[in-house]
Amino acid sequence: MENCIFCKIANGEIPAAKLYEDEEMVVFRDLHPQAKVHVLAVPRQHFKLFADMNAEQAEIVKNMLVKIPQIAPSLGLADGYRLIVNQGENAGQTVFHLHMHLLGGEKLPE
């Protein structure tokens, strides 16, 4: 998507503190962290919501959910993390490219 900041980060057009990347996703630090460790996992392919996914994109999300626990220790999340996916403006989604927030590195409030 032409004006999507996450697409530009994933494509290397905008610099970001990338912590992990593969052919399907990139993981980078959130610019406005809400926890000691706050990173975003973003699929390289652009789609806004779970409701917008096709079968290929659902497979990408599945692969992300498999990969995240494998790389969590290297992200500073060995002791656990919270996974948040905001879906739509009323839920707090501000960038309309599906992404997952991983928060941790400390005891999070319940």
C-alpha atoms as a PDB file:
ATOM      1  CA  MET A   1       0.000   0.000   0.000  1.00  0.00           C
ATOM      2  CA  GLU A   2       1.466   3.292  -1.122  1.00  0.00           C
ATOM      3  CA  ASN A   3       1.094   5.480   1.992  1.00  0.00           C
ATOM      4  CA  CYS A   4       1.286   2.780   4.676  1.00  0.00           C
ATOM      5  CA  ILE A   5       4.098   3.422   7.159  1.00  0.00           C
ATOM      6  CA  PHE A   6       4.328  -0.288   8.077  1.00  0.00           C
ATOM      7  CA  CYS A   7       4.649  -1.277   4.403  1.00  0.00           C
ATOM      8  CA  LYS A   8       7.437   1.274   4.051  1.00  0.00           C
ATOM      9  CA  ILE A   9       9.216  -0.082   7.147  1.00  0.00           C
ATOM     10  CA  ALA A  10       8.820  -3.679   5.940  1.00  0.00           C
ATOM     11  CA  ASN A  11      10.215  -2.729   2.521  1.00  0.00           C
ATOM     12  CA  GLY A  12      13.178  -0.835   4.023  1.00  0.00           C
ATOM     13  CA  GLU A  13      11.988   2.556   2.750  1.00  0.00           C
ATOM     14  CA  ILE A  14      11.792   3.932   6.303  1.00  0.00           C
ATOM     15  CA  PRO A  15      14.430   2.986   8.880  1.00  0.00           C
ATOM     16  CA  ALA A  16      13.294   1.157  11.999  1.00  0.00           C
ATOM     17  CA  ALA A  17      14.940  -0.705  14.852  1.00  0.00           C
ATOM     18  CA  LYS A  18      14.258  -4.119  13.319  1.00  0.00           C
ATOM     19  CA  LEU A  19      14.834  -6.968  15.734  1.00  0.00           C
ATOM     20  CA  TYR A  20      13.759  -9.810  13.466  1.00  0.00           C
ATOM     21  CA  GLU A  21      12.682 -10.252   9.877  1.00  0.00           C
ATOM     22  CA  ASP A  22      11.943 -13.061   7.485  1.00  0.00           C
ATOM     23  CA  GLU A  23      10.094 -13.382   4.192  1.00  0.00           C
ATOM     24  CA  GLU A  24       6.675 -12.944   5.833  1.00  0.00           C
ATOM     25  CA  MET A  25       7.114 -10.496   8.708  1.00  0.00           C
ATOM     26  CA  VAL A  26       9.230  -7.887  10.421  1.00  0.00           C
ATOM     27  CA  VAL A  27       9.517  -7.187  14.134  1.00  0.00           C
ATOM     28  CA  PHE A  28      10.617  -3.774  15.360  1.00  0.00           C
ATOM     29  CA  ARG A  29      10.458  -1.566  18.435  1.00  0.00           C
ATOM     30  CA  ASP A  30       7.332   0.505  18.980  1.00  0.00           C
ATOM     31  CA  LEU A  31       8.063   4.254  18.914  1.00  0.00           C
ATOM     32  CA  HIS A  32       5.731   4.819  21.878  1.00  0.00           C
ATOM     33  CA  PRO A  33       6.386   1.868  24.207  1.00  0.00           C
ATOM     34  CA  GLN A  34       3.751   0.924  26.760  1.00  0.00           C
ATOM     35  CA  ALA A  35       6.025  -1.547  28.586  1.00  0.00           C
ATOM     36  CA  LYS A  36       9.737  -2.113  29.184  1.00  0.00           C
ATOM     37  CA  VAL A  37       9.737  -4.178  25.985  1.00  0.00           C
ATOM     38  CA  HIS A  38       7.179  -3.201  23.340  1.00  0.00           C
ATOM     39  CA  VAL A  39       7.657  -4.489  19.829  1.00  0.00           C
ATOM     40  CA  LEU A  40       5.426  -4.789  16.788  1.00  0.00           C
ATOM     41  CA  ALA A  41       5.167  -7.879  14.594  1.00  0.00           C
ATOM     42  CA  VAL A  42       3.986  -6.811  11.152  1.00  0.00           C
ATOM     43  CA  PRO A  43       3.234  -8.985   8.132  1.00  0.00           C
ATOM     44  CA  ARG A  44       5.004  -7.787   5.011  1.00  0.00           C
ATOM     45  CA  GLN A  45       1.780  -8.188   3.049  1.00  0.00           C
ATOM     46  CA  HIS A  46      -0.697  -5.357   3.577  1.00  0.00           C
ATOM     47  CA  PHE A  47      -4.171  -6.006   4.938  1.00  0.00           C
ATOM     48  CA  LYS A  48      -6.022  -4.053   7.604  1.00  0.00           C
ATOM     49  CA  LEU A  49      -8.051  -6.476   9.695  1.00  0.00           C
ATOM     50  CA  PHE A  50      -8.568 -10.156  10.362  1.00  0.00           C
ATOM     51  CA  ALA A  51     -11.898  -9.688   8.576  1.00  0.00           C
ATOM     52  CA  ASP A  52      -9.996  -8.618   5.438  1.00  0.00           C
ATOM     53  CA  MET A  53      -7.735 -11.689   5.286  1.00  0.00           C
ATOM     54  CA  ASN A  54      -7.770 -14.129   2.423  1.00  0.00           C
ATOM     55  CA  ALA A  55      -6.531 -17.721   2.843  1.00  0.00           C
ATOM     56  CA  GLU A  56      -2.916 -16.796   2.011  1.00  0.00           C
ATOM     57  CA  GLN A  57      -2.891 -13.977   4.545  1.00  0.00           C
ATOM     58  CA  ALA A  58      -4.450 -16.230   7.193  1.00  0.00           C
ATOM     59  CA  GLU A  59      -1.550 -18.618   6.627  1.00  0.00           C
ATOM     60  CA  ILE A  60       0.901 -15.735   7.141  1.00  0.00           C
ATOM     61  CA  VAL A  61      -0.784 -14.837  10.441  1.00  0.00           C
ATOM     62  CA  LYS A  62      -0.657 -18.491  11.502  1.00  0.00           C
ATOM     63  CA  ASN A  63       3.063 -18.590  10.716  1.00  0.00           C
ATOM     64  CA  MET A  64       3.579 -15.381  12.695  1.00  0.00           C
ATOM     65  CA  LEU A  65       1.832 -16.947  15.699  1.00  0.00           C
ATOM     66  CA  VAL A  66       4.152 -19.968  15.424  1.00  0.00           C
ATOM     67  CA  LYS A  67       7.306 -17.851  15.010  1.00  0.00           C
ATOM     68  CA  ILE A  68       6.633 -15.292  17.774  1.00  0.00           C
ATOM     69  CA  PRO A  69       7.108 -17.768  20.671  1.00  0.00           C
ATOM     70  CA  GLN A  70      10.296 -19.025  19.033  1.00  0.00           C
ATOM     71  CA  ILE A  71      11.871 -15.559  18.821  1.00  0.00           C
ATOM     72  CA  ALA A  72      10.367 -14.110  22.029  1.00  0.00           C
ATOM     73  CA  PRO A  73      13.489 -14.824  24.167  1.00  0.00           C
ATOM     74  CA  SER A  74      15.702 -12.921  21.723  1.00  0.00           C
ATOM     75  CA  LEU A  75      13.295  -9.975  21.944  1.00  0.00           C
ATOM     76  CA  GLY A  76      13.673  -9.737  25.739  1.00  0.00           C
ATOM     77  CA  LEU A  77      10.408 -11.593  26.348  1.00  0.00           C
ATOM     78  CA  ALA A  78      11.679 -14.870  27.800  1.00  0.00           C
ATOM     79  CA  ASP A  79       9.548 -14.504  30.945  1.00  0.00           C
ATOM     80  CA  GLY A  80       6.285 -13.974  29.082  1.00  0.00           C
ATOM     81  CA  TYR A  81       4.549 -11.335  27.050  1.00  0.00           C
ATOM     82  CA  ARG A  82       1.166  -9.911  26.238  1.00  0.00           C
ATOM     83  CA  LEU A  83       0.005 -10.147  22.626  1.00  0.00           C
ATOM     84  CA  ILE A  84      -2.444  -7.451  21.517  1.00  0.00           C
ATOM     85  CA  VAL A  85      -4.111  -6.996  18.145  1.00  0.00           C
ATOM     86  CA  ASN A  86      -6.312  -3.915  17.821  1.00  0.00           C
ATOM     87  CA  GLN A  87      -9.023  -4.318  15.200  1.00  0.00           C
ATOM     88  CA  GLY A  88     -10.489  -1.043  13.994  1.00  0.00           C
ATOM     89  CA  GLU A  89     -10.481   2.560  15.085  1.00  0.00           C
ATOM     90  CA  ASN A  90     -12.801   1.995  18.062  1.00  0.00           C
ATOM     91  CA  ALA A  91     -10.376  -0.636  19.376  1.00  0.00           C
ATOM     92  CA  GLY A  92      -7.434   1.763  19.194  1.00  0.00           C
ATOM     93  CA  GLN A  93      -5.947   0.734  15.851  1.00  0.00           C
ATOM     94  CA  THR A  94      -4.081   3.773  14.530  1.00  0.00           C
ATOM     95  CA  VAL A  95      -2.113   2.201  11.660  1.00  0.00           C
ATOM     96  CA  PHE A  96      -4.450   0.293   9.378  1.00  0.00           C
ATOM     97  CA  HIS A  97      -2.037  -2.509   8.521  1.00  0.00           C
ATOM     98  CA  LEU A  98      -2.625  -5.577  10.664  1.00  0.00           C
ATOM     99  CA  HIS A  99       0.021  -5.797  13.383  1.00  0.00           C
ATOM    100  CA  MET A 100       0.590  -7.453  16.728  1.00  0.00           C
ATOM    101  CA  HIS A 101       1.886  -5.674  19.804  1.00  0.00           C
ATOM    102  CA  LEU A 102       4.129  -7.755  22.066  1.00  0.00           C
ATOM    103  CA  LEU A 103       4.572  -6.232  25.502  1.00  0.00           C
ATOM    104  CA  GLY A 104       6.676  -7.572  28.356  1.00  0.00           C
ATOM    105  CA  GLY A 105      10.100  -7.440  29.922  1.00  0.00           C
ATOM    106  CA  GLU A 106       8.439  -6.720  33.271  1.00  0.00           C
ATOM    107  CA  LYS A 107       5.429  -7.734  35.338  1.00  0.00           C
ATOM    108  CA  LEU A 108       2.440  -6.281  33.500  1.00  0.00           C
ATOM    109  CA  PRO A 109      -0.684  -5.077  35.272  1.00  0.00           C
ATOM    110  CA  GLU A 110      -3.639  -7.459  35.172  1.00  0.00           C
END
